[in-house]
Amino acid sequence: MSTMSAQGHVVRSIRAEEWAAVKELRLLALRDPVAPIAYLETYEEAVERPDSFWQERAARSGGAAVGVRQFVAEGADGSWAGTLTVLMEEAGTKDWAGFPVERRQGHVVGVYVRPEHRGSGLTEALFAAGVRWAWESGAERVRLIVHEDNGRAQGFYRKVGFVPSGVTVPLADGDEECELEFVLEKG
């Protein structure tokens, strides 16, 4: 699946053999100033992972994968301007934070657009592709988790139709900070 988007970029699923580009873009995202409140892993953790980790990650989330799909915005020169991943969560299971999953849902993670491409429409195009894939995969809703202090991201998520569900996820035992669940209902 691929679609044209802003600035002549194509939004498409990654391919398993593109693991090195997946690694490069993830490491770049983890060096972004908002990374500490946007991602669950650090640059230091990610850079230490062996190539086999990145190869498996790309194979699991590429175009032939079931249950997870990573999308990229690719320029005419082959460079990647941004990415977004959708994980399918099954009803009757527990999510990464231990909360019960009540219905089949897509979970948006790993959103990143290079600073020079922000505000260009690429993030909207990535979200459109990810949400479309979730609906086509049988999701009843799509959700994401965002840090309570990440107002810029919350504003964007509202702009593309996501709304707070009222669910909060504590960051760590005893920590006063939390993350907020935003959802997009099908329909």
C-alpha atoms as a PDB file:
ATOM      1  CA  MET A   1       0.000   0.000   0.000  1.00  0.00           C
ATOM      2  CA  SER A   2       1.379   3.394  -0.928  1.00  0.00           C
ATOM      3  CA  THR A   3      -0.115   6.810  -1.425  1.00  0.00           C
ATOM      4  CA  MET A   4       1.204  10.175  -2.576  1.00  0.00           C
ATOM      5  CA  SER A   5       1.376  12.872   0.059  1.00  0.00           C
ATOM      6  CA  ALA A   6       2.701  16.352   0.635  1.00  0.00           C
ATOM      7  CA  GLN A   7       5.963  17.461  -0.950  1.00  0.00           C
ATOM      8  CA  GLY A   8       5.971  14.591  -3.450  1.00  0.00           C
ATOM      9  CA  HIS A   9       6.632  11.964  -0.803  1.00  0.00           C
ATOM     10  CA  VAL A  10       5.139   8.489  -1.016  1.00  0.00           C
ATOM     11  CA  VAL A  11       3.720   6.973   2.168  1.00  0.00           C
ATOM     12  CA  ARG A  12       4.220   3.220   2.101  1.00  0.00           C
ATOM     13  CA  SER A  13       4.910   0.161   4.225  1.00  0.00           C
ATOM     14  CA  ILE A  14       8.527  -0.624   4.951  1.00  0.00           C
ATOM     15  CA  ARG A  15      10.178  -3.739   3.503  1.00  0.00           C
ATOM     16  CA  ALA A  16      12.117  -6.266   5.586  1.00  0.00           C
ATOM     17  CA  GLU A  17      15.365  -5.583   3.720  1.00  0.00           C
ATOM     18  CA  GLU A  18      15.202  -1.906   4.749  1.00  0.00           C
ATOM     19  CA  TRP A  19      16.194  -2.676   8.338  1.00  0.00           C
ATOM     20  CA  ALA A  20      19.236  -0.353   8.232  1.00  0.00           C
ATOM     21  CA  ALA A  21      17.023   2.608   7.260  1.00  0.00           C
ATOM     22  CA  VAL A  22      14.546   1.618  10.000  1.00  0.00           C
ATOM     23  CA  LYS A  23      17.416   1.690  12.502  1.00  0.00           C
ATOM     24  CA  GLU A  24      18.765   5.011  11.210  1.00  0.00           C
ATOM     25  CA  LEU A  25      15.400   6.786  11.414  1.00  0.00           C
ATOM     26  CA  ARG A  26      14.635   5.367  14.882  1.00  0.00           C
ATOM     27  CA  LEU A  27      18.000   6.519  16.231  1.00  0.00           C
ATOM     28  CA  LEU A  28      17.381   9.967  14.748  1.00  0.00           C
ATOM     29  CA  ALA A  29      13.943  10.082  16.412  1.00  0.00           C
ATOM     30  CA  LEU A  30      15.448   9.133  19.762  1.00  0.00           C
ATOM     31  CA  ARG A  31      17.805  12.133  19.542  1.00  0.00           C
ATOM     32  CA  ASP A  32      14.902  14.565  19.051  1.00  0.00           C
ATOM     33  CA  PRO A  33      14.510  17.042  21.951  1.00  0.00           C
ATOM     34  CA  VAL A  34      11.061  15.611  22.849  1.00  0.00           C
ATOM     35  CA  ALA A  35      12.239  11.985  22.764  1.00  0.00           C
ATOM     36  CA  PRO A  36      12.314  11.595  26.573  1.00  0.00           C
ATOM     37  CA  ILE A  37       8.549  12.164  26.741  1.00  0.00           C
ATOM     38  CA  ALA A  38       7.696  10.659  23.347  1.00  0.00           C
ATOM     39  CA  TYR A  39       9.340   7.218  23.407  1.00  0.00           C
ATOM     40  CA  LEU A  40       9.689   4.405  25.917  1.00  0.00           C
ATOM     41  CA  GLU A  41      13.308   3.660  24.987  1.00  0.00           C
ATOM     42  CA  THR A  42      16.390   5.863  24.979  1.00  0.00           C
ATOM     43  CA  TYR A  43      18.936   6.487  22.270  1.00  0.00           C
ATOM     44  CA  GLU A  44      21.552   4.777  24.427  1.00  0.00           C
ATOM     45  CA  GLU A  45      19.431   1.612  24.682  1.00  0.00           C
ATOM     46  CA  ALA A  46      18.607   1.541  20.967  1.00  0.00           C
ATOM     47  CA  VAL A  47      22.115   2.191  19.669  1.00  0.00           C
ATOM     48  CA  GLU A  48      23.396  -0.838  21.600  1.00  0.00           C
ATOM     49  CA  ARG A  49      20.946  -3.234  19.942  1.00  0.00           C
ATOM     50  CA  PRO A  50      22.543  -5.701  17.484  1.00  0.00           C
ATOM     51  CA  ASP A  51      21.704  -5.603  13.775  1.00  0.00           C
ATOM     52  CA  SER A  52      19.677  -8.801  14.255  1.00  0.00           C
ATOM     53  CA  PHE A  53      17.227  -6.821  16.426  1.00  0.00           C
ATOM     54  CA  TRP A  54      16.653  -4.286  13.622  1.00  0.00           C
ATOM     55  CA  GLN A  55      16.401  -7.014  10.994  1.00  0.00           C
ATOM     56  CA  GLU A  56      13.722  -8.811  13.028  1.00  0.00           C
ATOM     57  CA  ARG A  57      11.902  -5.550  13.726  1.00  0.00           C
ATOM     58  CA  ALA A  58      11.752  -4.687  10.028  1.00  0.00           C
ATOM     59  CA  ALA A  59      10.648  -8.211   9.109  1.00  0.00           C
ATOM     60  CA  ARG A  60       7.877  -8.112  11.750  1.00  0.00           C
ATOM     61  CA  SER A  61       6.504  -4.731  10.658  1.00  0.00           C
ATOM     62  CA  GLY A  62       7.005  -4.774   6.889  1.00  0.00           C
ATOM     63  CA  GLY A  63       4.381  -5.076   4.180  1.00  0.00           C
ATOM     64  CA  ALA A  64       3.938  -8.851   4.542  1.00  0.00           C
ATOM     65  CA  ALA A  65       3.624  -8.709   8.336  1.00  0.00           C
ATOM     66  CA  VAL A  66       0.414  -9.536  10.179  1.00  0.00           C
ATOM     67  CA  GLY A  67      -0.593  -7.573  13.265  1.00  0.00           C
ATOM     68  CA  VAL A  68       1.849  -4.690  12.878  1.00  0.00           C
ATOM     69  CA  ARG A  69       2.697  -2.291  10.082  1.00  0.00           C
ATOM     70  CA  GLN A  70       5.346   0.443   9.885  1.00  0.00           C
ATOM     71  CA  PHE A  71       4.800   3.221   7.384  1.00  0.00           C
ATOM     72  CA  VAL A  72       7.351   5.717   6.055  1.00  0.00           C
ATOM     73  CA  ALA A  73       7.140   8.906   4.029  1.00  0.00           C
ATOM     74  CA  GLU A  74       9.740   8.436   1.295  1.00  0.00           C
ATOM     75  CA  GLY A  75      11.061  11.250  -0.864  1.00  0.00           C
ATOM     76  CA  ALA A  76      11.813  10.991  -4.591  1.00  0.00           C
ATOM     77  CA  ASP A  77      15.506  10.613  -3.677  1.00  0.00           C
ATOM     78  CA  GLY A  78      14.738   7.592  -1.464  1.00  0.00           C
ATOM     79  CA  SER A  79      15.217   9.449   1.835  1.00  0.00           C
ATOM     80  CA  TRP A  80      12.759   8.858   4.650  1.00  0.00           C
ATOM     81  CA  ALA A  81      11.135  11.987   6.085  1.00  0.00           C
ATOM     82  CA  GLY A  82       8.975  10.312   8.721  1.00  0.00           C
ATOM     83  CA  THR A  83       7.465   7.158  10.122  1.00  0.00           C
ATOM     84  CA  LEU A  84       4.523   5.760  12.067  1.00  0.00           C
ATOM     85  CA  THR A  85       3.773   2.206  13.246  1.00  0.00           C
ATOM     86  CA  VAL A  86       0.419   0.598  14.058  1.00  0.00           C
ATOM     87  CA  LEU A  87       0.197  -2.449  16.330  1.00  0.00           C
ATOM     88  CA  MET A  88      -3.002  -4.489  16.332  1.00  0.00           C
ATOM     89  CA  GLU A  89      -4.196  -5.391  19.836  1.00  0.00           C
ATOM     90  CA  GLU A  90      -6.671  -8.235  20.240  1.00  0.00           C
ATOM     91  CA  ALA A  91      -9.739  -8.221  22.486  1.00  0.00           C
ATOM     92  CA  GLY A  92      -9.206 -10.337  25.582  1.00  0.00           C
ATOM     93  CA  THR A  93      -5.465  -9.663  25.808  1.00  0.00           C
ATOM     94  CA  LYS A  94      -3.496  -7.142  27.851  1.00  0.00           C
ATOM     95  CA  ASP A  95      -1.638  -4.200  26.345  1.00  0.00           C
ATOM     96  CA  TRP A  96       1.996  -3.213  26.998  1.00  0.00           C
ATOM     97  CA  ALA A  97       0.999  -1.425  30.231  1.00  0.00           C
ATOM     98  CA  GLY A  98      -1.007  -4.384  31.557  1.00  0.00           C
ATOM     99  CA  PHE A  99      -4.436  -2.903  30.818  1.00  0.00           C
ATOM    100  CA  PRO A 100      -7.097  -5.234  29.391  1.00  0.00           C
ATOM    101  CA  VAL A 101      -7.885  -4.809  25.691  1.00  0.00           C
ATOM    102  CA  GLU A 102     -11.660  -4.813  25.384  1.00  0.00           C
ATOM    103  CA  ARG A 103     -11.949  -4.847  21.586  1.00  0.00           C
ATOM    104  CA  ARG A 104      -9.742  -5.237  18.526  1.00  0.00           C
ATOM    105  CA  GLN A 105      -7.872  -1.982  18.147  1.00  0.00           C
ATOM    106  CA  GLY A 106      -4.957  -0.390  16.368  1.00  0.00           C
ATOM    107  CA  HIS A 107      -2.324   1.225  18.572  1.00  0.00           C
ATOM    108  CA  VAL A 108      -0.271   3.995  16.937  1.00  0.00           C
ATOM    109  CA  VAL A 109       3.356   4.126  18.142  1.00  0.00           C
ATOM    110  CA  GLY A 110       6.722   5.439  17.000  1.00  0.00           C
ATOM    111  CA  VAL A 111       5.480   8.604  15.300  1.00  0.00           C
ATOM    112  CA  TYR A 112       8.328  10.747  14.005  1.00  0.00           C
ATOM    113  CA  VAL A 113       8.761  13.344  11.254  1.00  0.00           C
ATOM    114  CA  ARG A 114      12.108  15.025  10.631  1.00  0.00           C
ATOM    115  CA  PRO A 115      12.020  18.655  11.832  1.00  0.00           C
ATOM    116  CA  GLU A 116      12.486  20.091   8.336  1.00  0.00           C
ATOM    117  CA  HIS A 117       9.308  18.295   7.175  1.00  0.00           C
ATOM    118  CA  ARG A 118       7.049  19.151  10.112  1.00  0.00           C
ATOM    119  CA  GLY A 119       4.009  21.201   9.172  1.00  0.00           C
ATOM    120  CA  SER A 120       4.158  19.987   5.570  1.00  0.00           C
ATOM    121  CA  GLY A 121       1.289  17.489   5.724  1.00  0.00           C
ATOM    122  CA  LEU A 122       3.496  14.404   6.027  1.00  0.00           C
ATOM    123  CA  THR A 123       2.326  13.586   9.546  1.00  0.00           C
ATOM    124  CA  GLU A 124      -1.306  13.738   8.387  1.00  0.00           C
ATOM    125  CA  ALA A 125      -0.443  11.453   5.449  1.00  0.00           C
ATOM    126  CA  LEU A 126       1.287   8.956   7.754  1.00  0.00           C
ATOM    127  CA  PHE A 127      -1.716   8.949  10.104  1.00  0.00           C
ATOM    128  CA  ALA A 128      -4.131   8.505   7.193  1.00  0.00           C
ATOM    129  CA  ALA A 129      -2.207   5.450   5.974  1.00  0.00           C
ATOM    130  CA  GLY A 130      -1.894   3.951   9.453  1.00  0.00           C
ATOM    131  CA  VAL A 131      -5.538   4.468  10.359  1.00  0.00           C
ATOM    132  CA  ARG A 132      -6.686   3.124   6.973  1.00  0.00           C
ATOM    133  CA  TRP A 133      -4.588  -0.025   7.520  1.00  0.00           C
ATOM    134  CA  ALA A 134      -6.059  -0.460  11.028  1.00  0.00           C
ATOM    135  CA  TRP A 135      -9.632  -0.223   9.691  1.00  0.00           C
ATOM    136  CA  GLU A 136      -8.804  -2.641   6.864  1.00  0.00           C
ATOM    137  CA  SER A 137      -7.331  -5.014   9.475  1.00  0.00           C
ATOM    138  CA  GLY A 138     -10.594  -5.097  11.418  1.00  0.00           C
ATOM    139  CA  ALA A 139      -9.890  -2.563  14.165  1.00  0.00           C
ATOM    140  CA  GLU A 140     -12.937  -1.223  15.969  1.00  0.00           C
ATOM    141  CA  ARG A 141     -10.967   1.800  17.147  1.00  0.00           C
ATOM    142  CA  VAL A 142      -7.456   3.243  16.932  1.00  0.00           C
ATOM    143  CA  ARG A 143      -5.631   4.595  19.961  1.00  0.00           C
ATOM    144  CA  LEU A 144      -2.362   6.129  21.003  1.00  0.00           C
ATOM    145  CA  ILE A 145      -0.700   7.092  24.252  1.00  0.00           C
ATOM    146  CA  VAL A 146       0.800  10.565  24.688  1.00  0.00           C
ATOM    147  CA  HIS A 147       2.683  12.168  27.571  1.00  0.00           C
ATOM    148  CA  GLU A 148       0.579  14.646  29.541  1.00  0.00           C
ATOM    149  CA  ASP A 149       3.231  17.346  28.950  1.00  0.00           C
ATOM    150  CA  ASN A 150       3.440  16.837  25.166  1.00  0.00           C
ATOM    151  CA  GLY A 151       0.962  19.535  24.213  1.00  0.00           C
ATOM    152  CA  ARG A 152       2.187  19.861  20.639  1.00  0.00           C
ATOM    153  CA  ALA A 153       1.502  16.175  19.942  1.00  0.00           C
ATOM    154  CA  GLN A 154      -1.866  16.308  21.723  1.00  0.00           C
ATOM    155  CA  GLY A 155      -2.885  19.257  19.551  1.00  0.00           C
ATOM    156  CA  PHE A 156      -1.971  17.369  16.398  1.00  0.00           C
ATOM    157  CA  TYR A 157      -3.815  14.213  17.498  1.00  0.00           C
ATOM    158  CA  ARG A 158      -6.963  16.256  18.142  1.00  0.00           C
ATOM    159  CA  LYS A 159      -6.568  17.865  14.704  1.00  0.00           C
ATOM    160  CA  VAL A 160      -6.689  14.439  13.018  1.00  0.00           C
ATOM    161  CA  GLY A 161      -9.734  13.310  15.003  1.00  0.00           C
ATOM    162  CA  PHE A 162      -8.370  11.621  18.129  1.00  0.00           C
ATOM    163  CA  VAL A 163      -9.934  12.530  21.472  1.00  0.00           C
ATOM    164  CA  PRO A 164      -8.905  11.796  25.074  1.00  0.00           C
ATOM    165  CA  SER A 165     -10.604   8.662  26.405  1.00  0.00           C
ATOM    166  CA  GLY A 166     -10.088   9.524  30.070  1.00  0.00           C
ATOM    167  CA  VAL A 167      -7.661   6.617  30.548  1.00  0.00           C
ATOM    168  CA  THR A 168      -4.330   7.582  32.104  1.00  0.00           C
ATOM    169  CA  VAL A 169      -1.222   5.424  32.188  1.00  0.00           C
ATOM    170  CA  PRO A 170       1.279   6.063  35.008  1.00  0.00           C
ATOM    171  CA  LEU A 171       4.878   6.306  33.816  1.00  0.00           C
ATOM    172  CA  ALA A 172       6.457   4.484  36.769  1.00  0.00           C
ATOM    173  CA  ASP A 173       5.522   3.307  40.245  1.00  0.00           C
ATOM    174  CA  GLY A 174       5.060   6.344  42.450  1.00  0.00           C
ATOM    175  CA  ASP A 175       5.762   8.766  39.588  1.00  0.00           C
ATOM    176  CA  GLU A 176       3.290  11.640  39.394  1.00  0.00           C
ATOM    177  CA  GLU A 177       3.691  11.986  35.634  1.00  0.00           C
ATOM    178  CA  CYS A 178       1.395  10.055  33.352  1.00  0.00           C
ATOM    179  CA  GLU A 179       0.455   9.469  29.769  1.00  0.00           C
ATOM    180  CA  LEU A 180      -2.996   9.947  28.290  1.00  0.00           C
ATOM    181  CA  GLU A 181      -4.866   7.634  25.949  1.00  0.00           C
ATOM    182  CA  PHE A 182      -6.377   9.273  22.857  1.00  0.00           C
ATOM    183  CA  VAL A 183      -8.800   7.316  20.660  1.00  0.00           C
ATOM    184  CA  LEU A 184     -10.375   7.472  17.224  1.00  0.00           C
ATOM    185  CA  GLU A 185     -13.601   5.514  16.922  1.00  0.00           C
ATOM    186  CA  LYS A 186     -14.563   3.843  13.667  1.00  0.00           C
ATOM    187  CA  GLY A 187     -17.447   5.395  11.901  1.00  0.00           C
END
